[in-house]
PDB file of N, CA and C in Angstrom:
ATOM      1  N   MET A   1      90.420 115.224 138.659  1.00  0.00           N
ATOM      2  CA  MET A   1      91.787 115.676 138.501  1.00  0.00           C
ATOM      3  C   MET A   1      92.385 114.916 137.306  1.00  0.00           C
ATOM      4  N   ASN A   2      92.943 115.656 136.368  1.00  0.00           N
ATOM      5  CA  ASN A   2      93.527 115.005 135.199  1.00  0.00           C
ATOM      6  C   ASN A   2      95.037 114.817 135.361  1.00  0.00           C
ATOM      7  N   ARG A   3      95.631 114.137 134.396  1.00  0.00           N
ATOM      8  CA  ARG A   3      97.065 113.819 134.461  1.00  0.00           C
ATOM      9  C   ARG A   3      97.939 115.080 134.542  1.00  0.00           C
ATOM     10  N   ALA A   4      97.604 116.104 133.788  1.00  0.00           N
ATOM     11  CA  ALA A   4      98.396 117.340 133.797  1.00  0.00           C
ATOM     12  C   ALA A   4      98.347 118.005 135.176  1.00  0.00           C
ATOM     13  N   GLU A   5      97.167 118.002 135.784  1.00  0.00           N
ATOM     14  CA  GLU A   5      97.037 118.579 137.129  1.00  0.00           C
ATOM     15  C   GLU A   5      97.860 117.783 138.143  1.00  0.00           C
ATOM     16  N   LEU A   6      97.819 116.453 138.045  1.00  0.00           N
ATOM     17  CA  LEU A   6      98.621 115.620 138.941  1.00  0.00           C
ATOM     18  C   LEU A   6     100.111 115.882 138.762  1.00  0.00           C
ATOM     19  N   GLU A   7     100.550 116.026 137.512  1.00  0.00           N
ATOM     20  CA  GLU A   7     101.963 116.316 137.243  1.00  0.00           C
ATOM     21  C   GLU A   7     102.368 117.641 137.892  1.00  0.00           C
ATOM     22  N   GLY A   8     101.497 118.632 137.834  1.00  0.00           N
ATOM     23  CA  GLY A   8     101.780 119.922 138.463  1.00  0.00           C
ATOM     24  C   GLY A   8     101.880 119.793 139.975  1.00  0.00           C
ATOM     25  N   LEU A   9     101.002 119.005 140.562  1.00  0.00           N
ATOM     26  CA  LEU A   9     101.033 118.801 142.016  1.00  0.00           C
ATOM     27  C   LEU A   9     102.299 118.088 142.454  1.00  0.00           C
ATOM     28  N   LYS A  10     102.812 117.187 141.619  1.00  0.00           N
ATOM     29  CA  LYS A  10     104.049 116.461 141.926  1.00  0.00           C
ATOM     30  C   LYS A  10     105.238 117.407 142.059  1.00  0.00           C
ATOM     31  N   LYS A  11     105.192 118.506 141.327  1.00  0.00           N
ATOM     32  CA  LYS A  11     106.344 119.409 141.240  1.00  0.00           C
ATOM     33  C   LYS A  11     106.416 120.427 142.372  1.00  0.00           C
ATOM     34  N   VAL A  12     105.478 120.384 143.309  1.00  0.00           N
ATOM     35  CA  VAL A  12     105.486 121.336 144.428  1.00  0.00           C
ATOM     36  C   VAL A  12     106.798 121.207 145.195  1.00  0.00           C
ATOM     37  N   ASP A  13     107.404 122.329 145.497  1.00  0.00           N
ATOM     38  CA  ASP A  13     108.665 122.363 146.242  1.00  0.00           C
ATOM     39  C   ASP A  13     108.339 122.591 147.717  1.00  0.00           C
ATOM     40  N   VAL A  14     108.707 121.658 148.575  1.00  0.00           N
ATOM     41  CA  VAL A  14     108.386 121.780 150.000  1.00  0.00           C
ATOM     42  C   VAL A  14     109.071 122.975 150.652  1.00  0.00           C
ATOM     43  N   ARG A  15     110.120 123.482 150.043  1.00  0.00           N
ATOM     44  CA  ARG A  15     110.828 124.639 150.606  1.00  0.00           C
ATOM     45  C   ARG A  15     110.096 125.945 150.349  1.00  0.00           C
ATOM     46  N   THR A  16     109.229 125.957 149.339  1.00  0.00           N
ATOM     47  CA  THR A  16     108.552 127.210 148.985  1.00  0.00           C
ATOM     48  C   THR A  16     107.031 127.107 148.998  1.00  0.00           C
ATOM     49  N   VAL A  17     106.494 125.936 149.311  1.00  0.00           N
ATOM     50  CA  VAL A  17     105.048 125.740 149.281  1.00  0.00           C
ATOM     51  C   VAL A  17     104.364 126.589 150.356  1.00  0.00           C
ATOM     52  N   ASP A  18     103.173 127.069 150.047  1.00  0.00           N
ATOM     53  CA  ASP A  18     102.360 127.799 151.018  1.00  0.00           C
ATOM     54  C   ASP A  18     101.766 126.772 151.972  1.00  0.00           C
ATOM     55  N   VAL A  19     102.325 126.665 153.162  1.00  0.00           N
ATOM     56  CA  VAL A  19     101.914 125.657 154.134  1.00  0.00           C
ATOM     57  C   VAL A  19     100.438 125.796 154.497  1.00  0.00           C
ATOM     58  N   SER A  20      99.922 127.009 154.486  1.00  0.00           N
ATOM     59  CA  SER A  20      98.512 127.214 154.833  1.00  0.00           C
ATOM     60  C   SER A  20      97.570 126.608 153.784  1.00  0.00           C
ATOM     61  N   ALA A  21      98.095 126.303 152.605  1.00  0.00           N
ATOM     62  CA  ALA A  21      97.277 125.712 151.546  1.00  0.00           C
ATOM     63  C   ALA A  21      97.275 124.186 151.596  1.00  0.00           C
ATOM     64  N   LEU A  22      98.098 123.610 152.488  1.00  0.00           N
ATOM     65  CA  LEU A  22      98.197 122.153 152.576  1.00  0.00           C
ATOM     66  C   LEU A  22      97.183 121.597 153.570  1.00  0.00           C
ATOM     67  N   GLU A  23      96.731 120.386 153.296  1.00  0.00           N
ATOM     68  CA  GLU A  23      95.784 119.701 154.173  1.00  0.00           C
ATOM     69  C   GLU A  23      96.538 118.813 155.164  1.00  0.00           C
ATOM     70  N   ASP A  24      95.959 118.634 156.337  1.00  0.00           N
ATOM     71  CA  ASP A  24      96.514 117.749 157.361  1.00  0.00           C
ATOM     72  C   ASP A  24      95.955 116.350 157.119  1.00  0.00           C
ATOM     73  N   ILE A  25      96.814 115.415 156.755  1.00  0.00           N
ATOM     74  CA  ILE A  25      96.366 114.069 156.412  1.00  0.00           C
ATOM     75  C   ILE A  25      95.699 113.367 157.590  1.00  0.00           C
ATOM     76  N   GLU A  26      96.054 113.756 158.801  1.00  0.00           N
ATOM     77  CA  GLU A  26      95.463 113.127 159.984  1.00  0.00           C
ATOM     78  C   GLU A  26      93.990 113.498 160.158  1.00  0.00           C
ATOM     79  N   LYS A  27      93.552 114.542 159.496  1.00  0.00           N
ATOM     80  CA  LYS A  27      92.162 114.982 159.611  1.00  0.00           C
ATOM     81  C   LYS A  27      91.284 114.452 158.469  1.00  0.00           C
ATOM     82  N   ILE A  28      91.905 113.749 157.529  1.00  0.00           N
ATOM     83  CA  ILE A  28      91.169 113.216 156.386  1.00  0.00           C
ATOM     84  C   ILE A  28      90.491 111.905 156.799  1.00  0.00           C
ATOM     85  N   GLU A  29      89.196 111.833 156.597  1.00  0.00           N
ATOM     86  CA  GLU A  29      88.455 110.604 156.883  1.00  0.00           C
ATOM     87  C   GLU A  29      87.937 110.025 155.570  1.00  0.00           C
ATOM     88  N   ILE A  30      88.180 108.739 155.394  1.00  0.00           N
ATOM     89  CA  ILE A  30      87.769 108.048 154.178  1.00  0.00           C
ATOM     90  C   ILE A  30      86.711 107.007 154.540  1.00  0.00           C
ATOM     91  N   ASP A  31      85.679 106.949 153.740  1.00  0.00           N
ATOM     92  CA  ASP A  31      84.603 105.980 153.931  1.00  0.00           C
ATOM     93  C   ASP A  31      85.078 104.617 153.445  1.00  0.00           C
ATOM     94  N   SER A  32      85.322 103.698 154.363  1.00  0.00           N
ATOM     95  CA  SER A  32      85.858 102.383 153.994  1.00  0.00           C
ATOM     96  C   SER A  32      84.846 101.506 153.259  1.00  0.00           C
ATOM     97  N   SER A  33      83.602 101.940 153.204  1.00  0.00           N
ATOM     98  CA  SER A  33      82.605 101.154 152.462  1.00  0.00           C
ATOM     99  C   SER A  33      82.680 101.410 150.955  1.00  0.00           C
ATOM    100  N   LEU A  34      83.454 102.408 150.552  1.00  0.00           N
ATOM    101  CA  LEU A  34      83.609 102.726 149.134  1.00  0.00           C
ATOM    102  C   LEU A  34      84.560 101.735 148.470  1.00  0.00           C
ATOM    103  N   SER A  35      84.453 101.621 147.159  1.00  0.00           N
ATOM    104  CA  SER A  35      85.401 100.785 146.415  1.00  0.00           C
ATOM    105  C   SER A  35      86.775 101.458 146.444  1.00  0.00           C
ATOM    106  N   ALA A  36      87.811 100.718 146.078  1.00  0.00           N
ATOM    107  CA  ALA A  36      89.170 101.271 146.077  1.00  0.00           C
ATOM    108  C   ALA A  36      89.257 102.522 145.201  1.00  0.00           C
ATOM    109  N   LYS A  37      88.658 102.474 144.037  1.00  0.00           N
ATOM    110  CA  LYS A  37      88.686 103.630 143.129  1.00  0.00           C
ATOM    111  C   LYS A  37      87.956 104.817 143.751  1.00  0.00           C
ATOM    112  N   GLU A  38      86.793 104.554 144.345  1.00  0.00           N
ATOM    113  CA  GLU A  38      86.020 105.629 144.974  1.00  0.00           C
ATOM    114  C   GLU A  38      86.761 106.207 146.186  1.00  0.00           C
ATOM    115  N   ARG A  39      87.468 105.347 146.952  1.00  0.00           N
ATOM    116  CA  ARG A  39      88.259 105.838 148.094  1.00  0.00           C
ATOM    117  C   ARG A  39      89.381 106.748 147.614  1.00  0.00           C
ATOM    118  N   TRP A  40      90.028 106.362 146.497  1.00  0.00           N
ATOM    119  CA  TRP A  40      91.116 107.191 145.949  1.00  0.00           C
ATOM    120  C   TRP A  40      90.569 108.547 145.515  1.00  0.00           C
ATOM    121  N   ILE A  41      89.456 108.557 144.838  1.00  0.00           N
ATOM    122  CA  ILE A  41      88.844 109.810 144.390  1.00  0.00           C
ATOM    123  C   ILE A  41      88.471 110.666 145.596  1.00  0.00           C
ATOM    124  N   ASP A  42      87.857 110.040 146.601  1.00  0.00           N
ATOM    125  CA  ASP A  42      87.471 110.745 147.824  1.00  0.00           C
ATOM    126  C   ASP A  42      88.705 111.342 148.518  1.00  0.00           C
ATOM    127  N   PHE A  43      89.763 110.534 148.626  1.00  0.00           N
ATOM    128  CA  PHE A  43      90.993 110.987 149.262  1.00  0.00           C
ATOM    129  C   PHE A  43      91.607 112.167 148.522  1.00  0.00           C
ATOM    130  N   THR A  44      91.736 112.056 147.201  1.00  0.00           N
ATOM    131  CA  THR A  44      92.375 113.134 146.439  1.00  0.00           C
ATOM    132  C   THR A  44      91.559 114.424 146.478  1.00  0.00           C
ATOM    133  N   GLU A  45      90.241 114.299 146.534  1.00  0.00           N
ATOM    134  CA  GLU A  45      89.406 115.498 146.650  1.00  0.00           C
ATOM    135  C   GLU A  45      89.619 116.180 148.007  1.00  0.00           C
ATOM    136  N   LYS A  46      89.773 115.393 149.055  1.00  0.00           N
ATOM    137  CA  LYS A  46      89.931 115.948 150.402  1.00  0.00           C
ATOM    138  C   LYS A  46      91.339 116.450 150.663  1.00  0.00           C
ATOM    139  N   ILE A  47      92.357 115.716 150.202  1.00  0.00           N
ATOM    140  CA  ILE A  47      93.748 116.085 150.496  1.00  0.00           C
ATOM    141  C   ILE A  47      94.242 117.195 149.570  1.00  0.00           C
ATOM    142  N   LYS A  48      93.604 117.346 148.434  1.00  0.00           N
ATOM    143  CA  LYS A  48      93.910 118.348 147.402  1.00  0.00           C
ATOM    144  C   LYS A  48      95.216 118.071 146.673  1.00  0.00           C
ATOM    145  N   ASN A  49      96.286 117.742 147.404  1.00  0.00           N
ATOM    146  CA  ASN A  49      97.543 117.370 146.760  1.00  0.00           C
ATOM    147  C   ASN A  49      98.042 116.085 147.416  1.00  0.00           C
ATOM    148  N   PRO A  50      97.881 114.935 146.749  1.00  0.00           N
ATOM    149  CA  PRO A  50      98.309 113.677 147.354  1.00  0.00           C
ATOM    150  C   PRO A  50      99.825 113.522 147.441  1.00  0.00           C
ATOM    151  N   PHE A  51     100.570 114.465 146.881  1.00  0.00           N
ATOM    152  CA  PHE A  51     102.025 114.409 146.908  1.00  0.00           C
ATOM    153  C   PHE A  51     102.641 115.312 147.970  1.00  0.00           C
ATOM    154  N   CYS A  52     101.861 116.232 148.516  1.00  0.00           N
ATOM    155  CA  CYS A  52     102.399 117.176 149.504  1.00  0.00           C
ATOM    156  C   CYS A  52     101.286 117.543 150.477  1.00  0.00           C
ATOM    157  N   PHE A  53     101.542 117.308 151.758  1.00  0.00           N
ATOM    158  CA  PHE A  53     100.523 117.536 152.777  1.00  0.00           C
ATOM    159  C   PHE A  53     101.191 117.682 154.137  1.00  0.00           C
ATOM    160  N   ILE A  54     100.399 117.912 155.163  1.00  0.00           N
ATOM    161  CA  ILE A  54     100.899 118.023 156.535  1.00  0.00           C
ATOM    162  C   ILE A  54     100.636 116.696 157.243  1.00  0.00           C
ATOM    163  N   CYS A  55     101.607 116.221 157.984  1.00  0.00           N
ATOM    164  CA  CYS A  55     101.442 115.023 158.809  1.00  0.00           C
ATOM    165  C   CYS A  55     102.196 115.249 160.109  1.00  0.00           C
ATOM    166  N   ASN A  56     101.476 115.166 161.210  1.00  0.00           N
ATOM    167  CA  ASN A  56     102.071 115.365 162.529  1.00  0.00           C
ATOM    168  C   ASN A  56     102.808 116.705 162.617  1.00  0.00           C
ATOM    169  N   GLY A  57     102.219 117.727 162.000  1.00  0.00           N
ATOM    170  CA  GLY A  57     102.777 119.072 162.062  1.00  0.00           C
ATOM    171  C   GLY A  57     103.914 119.359 161.095  1.00  0.00           C
ATOM    172  N   MET A  58     104.276 118.391 160.276  1.00  0.00           N
ATOM    173  CA  MET A  58     105.383 118.582 159.343  1.00  0.00           C
ATOM    174  C   MET A  58     104.899 118.484 157.899  1.00  0.00           C
ATOM    175  N   VAL A  59     105.548 119.243 157.024  1.00  0.00           N
ATOM    176  CA  VAL A  59     105.256 119.147 155.597  1.00  0.00           C
ATOM    177  C   VAL A  59     105.899 117.869 155.072  1.00  0.00           C
ATOM    178  N   VAL A  60     105.098 117.065 154.357  1.00  0.00           N
ATOM    179  CA  VAL A  60     105.573 115.799 153.798  1.00  0.00           C
ATOM    180  C   VAL A  60     105.427 115.868 152.285  1.00  0.00           C
ATOM    181  N   LYS A  61     106.470 115.482 151.586  1.00  0.00           N
ATOM    182  CA  LYS A  61     106.444 115.397 150.124  1.00  0.00           C
ATOM    183  C   LYS A  61     106.677 113.948 149.750  1.00  0.00           C
ATOM    184  N   VAL A  62     105.750 113.376 149.001  1.00  0.00           N
ATOM    185  CA  VAL A  62     105.824 111.983 148.580  1.00  0.00           C
ATOM    186  C   VAL A  62     106.243 111.939 147.118  1.00  0.00           C
ATOM    187  N   SER A  63     107.207 111.090 146.821  1.00  0.00           N
ATOM    188  CA  SER A  63     107.588 110.889 145.421  1.00  0.00           C
ATOM    189  C   SER A  63     107.916 109.419 145.231  1.00  0.00           C
ATOM    190  N   TYR A  64     107.880 109.008 144.001  1.00  0.00           N
ATOM    191  CA  TYR A  64     108.107 107.613 143.672  1.00  0.00           C
ATOM    192  C   TYR A  64     109.234 107.510 142.670  1.00  0.00           C
ATOM    193  N   SER A  65     110.031 106.485 142.834  1.00  0.00           N
ATOM    194  CA  SER A  65     111.163 106.257 141.964  1.00  0.00           C
ATOM    195  C   SER A  65     110.765 105.312 140.838  1.00  0.00           C
ATOM    196  N   GLU A  66     111.368 105.482 139.696  1.00  0.00           N
ATOM    197  CA  GLU A  66     111.144 104.586 138.571  1.00  0.00           C
ATOM    198  C   GLU A  66     111.940 103.290 138.741  1.00  0.00           C
ATOM    199  N   GLU A  67     112.869 103.279 139.711  1.00  0.00           N
ATOM    200  CA  GLU A  67     113.687 102.092 139.942  1.00  0.00           C
ATOM    201  C   GLU A  67     112.828 100.963 140.486  1.00  0.00           C
ATOM    202  N   LYS A  68     113.271  99.761 140.272  1.00  0.00           N
ATOM    203  CA  LYS A  68     112.526  98.589 140.721  1.00  0.00           C
ATOM    204  C   LYS A  68     112.981  98.121 142.099  1.00  0.00           C
ATOM    205  N   GLU A  69     113.913  98.842 142.715  1.00  0.00           N
ATOM    206  CA  GLU A  69     114.435  98.444 144.015  1.00  0.00           C
ATOM    207  C   GLU A  69     113.388  98.694 145.104  1.00  0.00           C
ATOM    208  N   SER A  70     113.331  97.822 146.077  1.00  0.00           N
ATOM    209  CA  SER A  70     112.317  97.910 147.125  1.00  0.00           C
ATOM    210  C   SER A  70     112.663  98.993 148.147  1.00  0.00           C
ATOM    211  N   LEU A  71     111.646  99.451 148.850  1.00  0.00           N
ATOM    212  CA  LEU A  71     111.839 100.425 149.929  1.00  0.00           C
ATOM    213  C   LEU A  71     112.744  99.827 150.999  1.00  0.00           C
ATOM    214  N   GLU A  72     112.556  98.554 151.299  1.00  0.00           N
ATOM    215  CA  GLU A  72     113.384  97.893 152.309  1.00  0.00           C
ATOM    216  C   GLU A  72     114.863  97.972 151.944  1.00  0.00           C
ATOM    217  N   ASN A  73     115.207  97.684 150.688  1.00  0.00           N
ATOM    218  CA  ASN A  73     116.602  97.764 150.252  1.00  0.00           C
ATOM    219  C   ASN A  73     117.133  99.184 150.344  1.00  0.00           C
ATOM    220  N   LYS A  74     116.304 100.161 149.980  1.00  0.00           N
ATOM    221  CA  LYS A  74     116.728 101.560 150.064  1.00  0.00           C
ATOM    222  C   LYS A  74     116.985 101.963 151.514  1.00  0.00           C
ATOM    223  N   LEU A  75     116.132 101.513 152.434  1.00  0.00           N
ATOM    224  CA  LEU A  75     116.320 101.836 153.854  1.00  0.00           C
ATOM    225  C   LEU A  75     117.583 101.183 154.408  1.00  0.00           C
ATOM    226  N   VAL A  76     117.871  99.954 153.986  1.00  0.00           N
ATOM    227  CA  VAL A  76     119.107  99.287 154.404  1.00  0.00           C
ATOM    228  C   VAL A  76     120.309 100.085 153.904  1.00  0.00           C
ATOM    229  N   GLN A  77     120.264 100.515 152.652  1.00  0.00           N
ATOM    230  CA  GLN A  77     121.363 101.322 152.099  1.00  0.00           C
ATOM    231  C   GLN A  77     121.537 102.619 152.889  1.00  0.00           C
ATOM    232  N   LEU A  78     120.430 103.260 153.233  1.00  0.00           N
ATOM    233  CA  LEU A  78     120.490 104.499 154.005  1.00  0.00           C
ATOM    234  C   LEU A  78     121.125 104.247 155.363  1.00  0.00           C
ATOM    235  N   CYS A  79     120.687 103.212 156.059  1.00  0.00           N
ATOM    236  CA  CYS A  79     121.242 102.891 157.378  1.00  0.00           C
ATOM    237  C   CYS A  79     122.728 102.593 157.295  1.00  0.00           C
ATOM    238  N   MET A  80     123.121 101.850 156.270  1.00  0.00           N
ATOM    239  CA  MET A  80     124.543 101.521 156.105  1.00  0.00           C
ATOM    240  C   MET A  80     125.361 102.775 155.827  1.00  0.00           C
ATOM    241  N   SER A  81     124.799 103.715 155.075  1.00  0.00           N
ATOM    242  CA  SER A  81     125.542 104.934 154.757  1.00  0.00           C
ATOM    243  C   SER A  81     125.662 105.836 155.978  1.00  0.00           C
ATOM    244  N   MET A  82     124.770 105.675 156.948  1.00  0.00           N
ATOM    245  CA  MET A  82     124.773 106.508 158.156  1.00  0.00           C
ATOM    246  C   MET A  82     125.524 105.846 159.309  1.00  0.00           C
ATOM    247  N   GLU A  83     126.018 104.654 159.118  1.00  0.00           N
ATOM    248  CA  GLU A  83     126.700 103.914 160.177  1.00  0.00           C
ATOM    249  C   GLU A  83     127.848 104.734 160.753  1.00  0.00           C
ATOM    250  N   GLY A  84     127.877 104.806 162.071  1.00  0.00           N
ATOM    251  CA  GLY A  84     128.930 105.528 162.749  1.00  0.00           C
ATOM    252  C   GLY A  84     128.679 107.006 162.930  1.00  0.00           C
ATOM    253  N   GLN A  85     127.593 107.528 162.375  1.00  0.00           N
ATOM    254  CA  GLN A  85     127.272 108.951 162.528  1.00  0.00           C
ATOM    255  C   GLN A  85     126.467 109.149 163.802  1.00  0.00           C
ATOM    256  N   SER A  86     126.702 110.244 164.459  1.00  0.00           N
ATOM    257  CA  SER A  86     125.956 110.570 165.680  1.00  0.00           C
ATOM    258  C   SER A  86     124.866 111.575 165.351  1.00  0.00           C
ATOM    259  N   PHE A  87     123.661 111.343 165.849  1.00  0.00           N
ATOM    260  CA  PHE A  87     122.547 112.224 165.555  1.00  0.00           C
ATOM    261  C   PHE A  87     122.053 112.945 166.794  1.00  0.00           C
ATOM    262  N   CYS A  88     122.867 112.997 167.832  1.00  0.00           N
ATOM    263  CA  CYS A  88     122.460 113.678 169.070  1.00  0.00           C
ATOM    264  C   CYS A  88     122.903 115.116 169.063  1.00  0.00           C
TER     265      CYS A  88
END
């Protein structure tokens, strides 16, 4: 998979993606005896799109931010912004 192909996979819209074309990440098995690079290659070949897949019956879209802020800080900000909201 080359850089252009990866860029195209990143742009998949979860609202319009053909769900039947997505792989279930829970069914992907990786040989832990492989090197890190070989595991990544094996994973990307099996998952087909490492940015969009099925997990626990739901479509998941993974993206990364160019910001240097940690996931922990982002989650704290999210929780603070949701304070006082009811989700029942």
